[in-house]
Protein backbone atom coordinates (compact mmCIF):
# COMPACT_ATOMS: atom_id res chain seq x y z
CA UNK A 1 71.12 94.64 125.15
CA UNK A 2 71.71 92.30 128.11
CA UNK A 3 68.50 90.35 127.48
CA UNK A 4 70.36 88.35 124.79
CA UNK A 5 74.05 88.99 125.67
CA UNK A 6 75.45 86.39 123.25
CA UNK A 7 73.57 87.87 120.30
CA UNK A 8 74.59 91.38 121.30
CA UNK A 9 78.25 90.32 121.55
CA UNK A 10 78.14 88.59 118.15
CA UNK A 11 76.59 91.72 116.62
CA UNK A 12 79.29 93.92 118.13
CA UNK A 13 82.04 91.61 116.87
CA UNK A 14 80.45 91.45 113.42
CA UNK A 15 80.34 95.23 113.14
CA UNK A 16 83.81 95.44 114.66
CA UNK A 17 85.26 93.20 111.96
CA UNK A 18 83.79 95.51 109.34
CA UNK A 19 85.35 98.50 111.10
CA UNK A 20 88.65 96.60 111.34
CA UNK A 21 88.49 96.00 107.59
CA UNK A 22 88.08 99.72 106.92
CA UNK A 23 90.58 101.12 109.41
CA UNK A 24 93.27 98.52 108.78
CA UNK A 25 93.01 98.56 104.99
CA UNK A 26 93.03 102.35 104.79
CA UNK A 27 95.79 102.59 107.42
CA UNK A 28 97.95 99.96 105.74
CA UNK A 29 97.62 101.58 102.31
CA UNK A 30 98.28 105.09 103.58
CA UNK A 31 101.00 104.02 106.00
CA UNK A 32 102.93 101.96 103.46
CA UNK A 33 102.77 104.70 100.83
CA UNK A 34 103.72 107.46 103.25
CA UNK A 35 106.57 105.42 104.74
CA UNK A 36 107.99 104.76 101.30
CA UNK A 37 107.48 108.38 100.25
CA UNK A 38 109.29 109.60 103.38
CA UNK A 39 112.26 107.36 102.60
CA UNK A 40 112.30 108.78 99.08
CA UNK A 41 112.04 112.34 100.38
CA UNK A 42 114.83 111.87 102.97
CA UNK A 43 117.54 111.29 100.38
CA UNK A 44 119.10 114.67 101.12
CA UNK A 45 118.45 116.09 97.64
CA UNK A 46 115.88 118.81 97.09
CA UNK A 47 115.10 118.01 93.45
CA UNK A 48 114.58 114.81 91.47
CA UNK A 49 115.03 115.03 87.72
CA UNK A 50 113.36 112.37 85.57
CA UNK A 51 112.91 111.91 81.83
CA UNK A 52 110.02 113.80 80.29
CA UNK A 53 106.88 111.69 80.14
CA UNK A 54 107.76 109.53 83.12
CA UNK A 55 104.67 107.83 84.53
CA UNK A 56 104.33 106.28 87.95
CA UNK A 57 106.91 106.13 90.68
CA UNK A 58 110.17 104.41 91.46
CA UNK A 59 110.51 101.00 89.88
CA UNK A 60 108.15 101.67 86.99
CA UNK A 61 110.58 103.29 84.52
CA UNK A 62 113.45 101.97 82.39
CA UNK A 63 116.77 103.88 82.30
CA UNK A 64 116.28 106.67 79.72
CA UNK A 65 118.09 109.63 81.26
CA UNK A 66 121.70 110.22 80.16
CA UNK A 67 124.15 110.12 83.05
CA UNK A 68 126.14 112.93 81.38
CA UNK A 69 123.22 115.26 82.12
CA UNK A 70 124.35 115.27 85.77
CA UNK A 71 127.51 117.17 84.80
CA UNK A 72 125.44 119.73 82.88
CA UNK A 73 123.04 120.26 85.78
CA UNK A 74 125.93 120.75 88.21
CA UNK A 75 126.88 123.83 86.14
CA UNK A 76 123.55 125.48 86.98
CA UNK A 77 124.03 128.25 89.53
CA UNK A 78 122.94 127.12 93.00
CA UNK A 79 123.37 123.39 92.35
CA UNK A 80 125.87 121.60 94.58
CA UNK A 81 125.74 118.05 93.23
CA UNK A 82 123.74 115.94 90.78
CA UNK A 83 124.01 112.15 90.94
CA UNK A 84 122.38 109.42 88.82
CA UNK A 85 120.37 106.54 90.25
CA UNK A 86 118.37 103.66 88.84
CA UNK A 87 115.33 102.27 90.60
CA UNK A 88 113.62 99.14 89.33
CA UNK A 89 111.18 96.56 90.61
CA UNK A 90 112.10 92.87 90.83
CA UNK A 91 110.06 89.85 91.86
CA UNK A 92 110.61 88.67 95.42
CA UNK A 93 109.05 85.60 97.02
CA UNK A 94 109.61 86.90 100.55
CA UNK A 95 107.96 90.25 99.88
CA UNK A 96 104.45 91.08 101.07
CA UNK A 97 103.59 92.40 97.61
CA UNK A 98 105.51 89.87 95.53
CA UNK A 99 107.98 92.49 94.32
CA UNK A 100 110.74 94.67 95.71
CA UNK A 101 112.32 97.98 94.72
CA UNK A 102 116.08 97.94 94.07
CA UNK A 103 118.27 101.00 93.75
CA UNK A 104 121.44 101.17 91.71
CA UNK A 105 123.80 103.86 93.01
CA UNK A 106 127.37 104.99 93.15
CA UNK A 107 127.69 104.57 96.90
CA UNK A 108 130.35 107.26 97.44
CA UNK A 109 128.46 110.09 95.74
CA UNK A 110 125.10 108.86 97.04
CA UNK A 111 126.42 108.90 100.60
CA UNK A 112 127.62 112.49 100.20
CA UNK A 113 124.11 113.58 99.22
CA UNK A 114 121.98 111.40 101.52
CA UNK A 115 124.20 111.03 104.59
CA UNK A 116 124.11 107.24 104.23
CA UNK A 117 126.66 105.45 106.44
CA UNK A 118 127.73 101.81 106.48
CA UNK A 119 127.25 100.69 110.10
CA UNK A 120 128.09 97.02 109.68
CA UNK A 121 130.14 95.16 107.10
CA UNK A 122 131.49 97.14 104.16
CA UNK A 123 130.42 98.99 101.03
CA UNK A 124 129.84 96.98 97.87
CA UNK A 125 132.46 96.84 95.11
CA UNK A 126 131.48 98.64 91.87
CA UNK A 127 130.55 96.22 89.09
CA UNK A 128 130.03 93.31 91.48
CA UNK A 129 127.00 91.22 92.41
CA UNK A 130 126.97 92.65 95.94
CA UNK A 131 124.28 94.52 97.87
CA UNK A 132 123.82 96.58 101.00
CA UNK A 133 120.53 96.91 102.89
CA UNK A 134 119.15 99.19 105.56
CA UNK A 135 119.15 98.05 109.19
CA UNK A 136 115.37 97.61 109.42
CA UNK A 137 115.22 95.28 106.42
CA UNK A 138 118.25 93.37 107.70
CA UNK A 139 116.63 92.76 111.09
CA UNK A 140 113.15 91.96 109.78
CA UNK A 141 114.37 89.40 107.24
CA UNK A 142 116.93 87.92 109.67
CA UNK A 143 119.73 88.30 107.15
CA UNK A 144 123.44 87.83 107.76
CA UNK A 145 126.55 89.53 106.40
CA UNK A 146 127.97 87.28 103.71
CA UNK A 147 124.61 85.68 103.01
CA UNK A 148 122.98 85.76 99.59
CA UNK A 149 119.67 86.89 98.17
CA UNK A 150 118.32 86.12 94.72
CA UNK A 151 117.98 89.13 92.42
CA UNK A 152 117.55 89.03 88.66
CA UNK A 153 117.60 85.24 88.85
CA UNK A 154 121.08 84.95 90.39
CA UNK A 155 122.60 85.23 93.89
CA UNK A 156 123.82 88.58 95.21
CA UNK A 157 125.99 88.72 98.34
CA UNK A 158 124.95 90.98 101.22
CA UNK A 159 128.12 92.77 102.32
CA UNK A 160 126.94 95.72 104.42
CA UNK A 161 124.22 97.39 106.47
CA UNK A 162 123.53 101.10 106.23
CA UNK A 163 121.63 103.79 108.13
CA UNK A 164 119.45 105.80 107.93
CA UNK A 165 116.73 104.28 105.73
CA UNK A 166 116.68 106.38 102.58
CA UNK A 167 115.38 105.48 99.14
CA UNK A 168 115.02 101.78 98.37
CA UNK A 169 115.94 99.39 101.18
CA UNK A 170 118.33 97.38 98.99
CA UNK A 171 121.07 99.02 96.93
CA UNK A 172 123.39 97.52 94.35
CA UNK A 173 126.22 99.05 92.26
CA UNK A 174 124.98 101.48 89.60
CA UNK A 175 127.07 99.90 86.84
CA UNK A 176 125.77 96.43 87.72
CA UNK A 177 122.20 97.72 87.43
CA UNK A 178 122.95 99.47 84.13
CA UNK A 179 124.39 96.28 82.69
CA UNK A 180 121.48 94.21 83.94
CA UNK A 181 118.89 96.55 82.38
CA UNK A 182 120.90 97.18 79.21
CA UNK A 183 121.15 100.82 80.21
CA UNK A 184 124.86 101.65 80.13
CA UNK A 185 125.35 105.37 80.53
CA UNK A 186 121.73 105.95 81.52
CA UNK A 187 119.67 106.34 84.71
CA UNK A 188 116.03 106.56 85.75
CA UNK A 189 116.54 109.79 87.72
CA UNK A 190 119.08 112.36 88.90
CA UNK A 191 119.15 113.55 92.50
CA UNK A 192 120.02 117.23 92.71
CA UNK A 193 121.38 118.69 95.94
CA UNK A 194 121.38 122.46 96.23
CA UNK A 195 123.80 124.81 97.88
CA UNK A 196 122.69 126.26 101.24
CA UNK A 197 120.10 129.01 101.01
CA UNK A 198 118.95 128.19 97.49
CA UNK A 199 115.27 127.98 96.50
CA UNK A 200 114.22 124.56 95.23
CA UNK A 201 111.29 126.11 93.32
CA UNK A 202 113.46 128.64 91.49
CA UNK A 203 116.28 126.25 90.61
CA UNK A 204 113.83 123.51 89.65
CA UNK A 205 112.18 125.90 87.20
CA UNK A 206 115.58 126.94 85.83
CA UNK A 207 116.63 123.30 85.30
CA UNK A 208 113.38 122.62 83.49
CA UNK A 209 113.88 125.69 81.26
CA UNK A 210 117.49 124.77 80.48
CA UNK A 211 116.67 121.08 79.93
CA UNK A 212 113.08 120.97 78.65
CA UNK A 213 113.06 117.20 78.07
CA UNK A 214 113.02 116.57 81.79
CA UNK A 215 110.43 116.19 84.52
CA UNK A 216 111.13 118.08 87.76
CA UNK A 217 109.91 116.82 91.13
CA UNK A 218 110.58 118.50 94.46
CA UNK A 219 111.33 115.86 97.09
CA UNK A 220 109.35 117.79 99.70
CA UNK A 221 106.21 117.09 97.63
CA UNK A 222 106.82 113.37 97.14
CA UNK A 223 104.63 112.27 100.03
CA UNK A 224 101.50 113.98 98.75
CA UNK A 225 102.30 113.06 95.15
CA UNK A 226 102.50 109.42 96.16
CA UNK A 227 99.11 109.62 97.87
CA UNK A 228 97.46 111.35 94.91
CA UNK A 229 99.22 109.35 92.22
CA UNK A 230 97.34 106.06 92.62
CA UNK A 231 93.67 106.80 91.80
CA UNK A 232 92.82 103.10 91.57
CA UNK A 233 93.85 102.67 95.20
CA UNK A 234 91.52 105.47 96.30
CA UNK A 235 88.66 103.85 94.39
CA UNK A 236 89.45 100.51 96.03
CA UNK A 237 89.48 102.06 99.51
CA UNK A 238 86.13 103.78 98.87
CA UNK A 239 84.64 100.45 97.75
CA UNK A 240 85.96 98.75 100.91
CA UNK A 241 84.44 101.48 103.07
CA UNK A 242 81.11 101.19 101.25
CA UNK A 243 80.97 97.40 101.59
CA UNK A 244 81.89 97.50 105.28
CA UNK A 245 79.18 100.12 105.93
CA UNK A 246 76.63 98.00 104.03
CA UNK A 247 77.54 94.87 106.00
CA UNK A 248 77.24 96.79 109.27
CA UNK A 249 73.77 97.99 108.28
CA UNK A 250 72.71 94.43 107.46
CA UNK A 251 73.97 93.14 110.81
CA UNK A 252 72.06 95.82 112.67
CA UNK A 253 68.94 95.16 110.56
CA UNK A 254 69.03 91.44 111.33
CA UNK A 255 69.74 91.98 115.03
CA UNK A 256 67.04 94.58 115.59
CA UNK A 257 64.45 92.79 113.44
CA UNK A 258 64.96 89.65 115.55
CA UNK A 259 64.74 91.78 118.69
CA UNK A 260 61.40 93.28 117.64
CA UNK A 261 60.00 89.85 116.72
CA UNK A 262 60.98 88.41 120.11
CA UNK A 263 59.58 91.35 122.07
CA UNK A 264 56.25 91.74 120.32
CA UNK A 265 54.28 91.11 123.51
CA UNK A 266 56.53 93.49 125.50
CA UNK A 267 55.97 96.20 122.90
CA UNK A 268 52.22 95.58 123.14
CA UNK A 269 52.37 96.04 126.92
CA UNK A 270 54.28 99.31 126.52
CA UNK A 271 51.80 100.63 123.96
CA UNK A 272 48.85 99.67 126.20
CA UNK A 273 50.49 101.65 129.00
CA UNK A 274 50.57 104.74 126.80
CA UNK A 275 54.10 104.75 125.31
CA UNK A 276 54.10 106.68 122.04
CA UNK A 277 55.09 105.22 118.68
CA UNK A 278 58.04 107.63 118.47
CA UNK A 279 59.39 106.55 121.89
CA UNK A 280 59.16 102.86 120.95
CA UNK A 281 60.94 103.46 117.64
CA UNK A 282 63.58 105.62 119.28
CA UNK A 283 64.25 102.89 121.87
CA UNK A 284 65.04 100.44 119.06
CA UNK A 285 67.33 102.97 117.38
CA UNK A 286 69.12 103.70 120.67
CA UNK A 287 69.94 100.02 121.14
CA UNK A 288 71.25 99.87 117.57
CA UNK A 289 73.44 102.93 118.17
CA UNK A 290 74.94 101.40 121.31
CA UNK A 291 75.70 98.15 119.48
CA UNK A 292 77.29 100.10 116.62
CA UNK A 293 79.36 102.16 119.04
CA UNK A 294 80.59 98.96 120.68
CA UNK A 295 81.48 97.62 117.24
CA UNK A 296 83.47 100.74 116.37
CA UNK A 297 85.41 100.55 119.64
CA UNK A 298 86.09 96.84 119.12
CA UNK A 299 87.26 97.45 115.53
CA UNK A 300 89.62 100.29 116.42
CA UNK A 301 91.14 98.42 119.38
CA UNK A 302 91.61 95.30 117.24
CA UNK A 303 93.30 97.42 114.56
CA UNK A 304 95.71 98.92 117.11
CA UNK A 305 96.63 95.44 118.40
CA UNK A 306 97.15 94.15 114.85
CA UNK A 307 99.23 97.24 114.02
CA UNK A 308 101.53 96.66 117.00
CA UNK A 309 102.06 93.07 115.88
CA UNK A 310 102.88 94.10 112.31
CA UNK A 311 105.28 96.78 113.51
CA UNK A 312 107.13 94.25 115.64
CA UNK A 313 107.36 91.42 113.12
CA UNK A 314 107.39 93.15 109.72
CA UNK A 315 108.49 96.39 108.03
CA UNK A 316 104.87 97.23 107.14
CA UNK A 317 103.52 100.51 108.45
CA UNK A 318 99.88 101.09 109.39
CA UNK A 319 98.92 104.72 109.86
CA UNK A 320 95.75 105.24 111.90
CA UNK A 321 94.66 108.82 111.38
CA UNK A 322 92.18 110.48 113.77
CA UNK A 323 90.10 111.78 110.86
CA UNK A 324 89.75 108.22 109.53
CA UNK A 325 88.59 106.97 112.93
CA UNK A 326 86.14 109.89 113.17
CA UNK A 327 84.84 109.10 109.71
CA UNK A 328 84.44 105.43 110.59
CA UNK A 329 82.53 106.39 113.74
CA UNK A 330 80.11 108.45 111.67
CA UNK A 331 79.73 105.66 109.09
CA UNK A 332 79.13 103.08 111.82
CA UNK A 333 76.47 105.17 113.55
CA UNK A 334 74.74 106.11 110.31
CA UNK A 335 74.67 102.50 109.14
CA UNK A 336 73.18 101.48 112.50
CA UNK A 337 70.42 104.08 112.14
CA UNK A 338 69.68 102.87 108.61
CA UNK A 339 69.67 99.25 109.76
CA UNK A 340 67.40 99.99 112.72
CA UNK A 341 64.97 102.12 110.73
CA UNK A 342 62.73 99.32 109.43
CA UNK A 343 62.64 97.30 112.70
CA UNK A 344 61.92 100.54 114.59
CA UNK A 345 59.03 101.46 112.28
CA UNK A 346 57.72 97.90 112.49
CA UNK A 347 57.74 98.06 116.29
CA UNK A 348 56.07 101.47 116.34
CA UNK A 349 53.27 100.35 114.01
CA UNK A 350 52.36 97.20 115.95
CA UNK A 351 48.74 97.11 117.04
CA UNK A 352 48.62 96.90 120.84
CA UNK A 353 45.82 94.28 120.92
CA UNK A 354 47.50 92.04 118.32
CA UNK A 355 50.87 92.43 120.07
CA UNK A 356 49.40 91.40 123.43
CA UNK A 357 47.85 88.29 121.87
CA UNK A 358 51.14 87.35 120.10
CA UNK A 359 52.50 83.92 121.08
């Protein structure tokens, strides 16, 4: 490996970039989804009621659920409160994805369910073009109380900061959202808070039986539902992993093939001294494994550094799971073995006399 240190270093970096691609992409996708799902699950309500046939998650549905249904659900035994909300997606130039989720709520009732508290500024006025945001979004975007942000093609005034982060990061008055979406008297979902000691499973089933045109979600399951609900993302991640593994194998193949070509005379000397074909081939594979291991280490360390930078400067979340790193290690080592297989066989099959006469 030290005979050509520059080439070895370039090979390690090349493999490391492939590993970085896998770990960072998977970590960013999983981390962003889980972070959003946790905010959705921390709203303080045990049950989310949506219209029957709802597809996708927050921001994908139009208001179809009657607000008056909240009063009916509150009559169900074991239910403490039921409040309507509207979540929708709007375009945003300063967003990493080009869009942003907004939440229309009645701040008083929403606060009673979620524990939301205004820590700076004031609550918005119902029916106004005013917004409140969570503290993390406020800090990351360098906003100011009294400043404006463009939503629905017009300026909205930021009047308050709230904690903790629950649901969408930006909230506007429910009636303003209803008017904007032509959904007066309707919502995209109802948040149902239960009385102490009540079973979410049992009451969720009862609500569904009493109101069959509804879809019942338990907030404790939102995180896993988010992760399982985007099959295209899983396909994309698998493709990324496959491509990165293929590139790593090609890098190893090129590196080890060049190594064998350069050391033809050395291999001839070893064979003339009695070294077996298996030992020569295994030596090539060992070097490939060490290079691959160095690449994995480089990729994981680079991902951690990049993650720390993103955490400091953005609201993005990268989740590096040990099982992902273990899987990447296996993929890296297997790809190195595959890449070193042909050069190793080529080295083992060299004729000693021809190798010694190689110039």
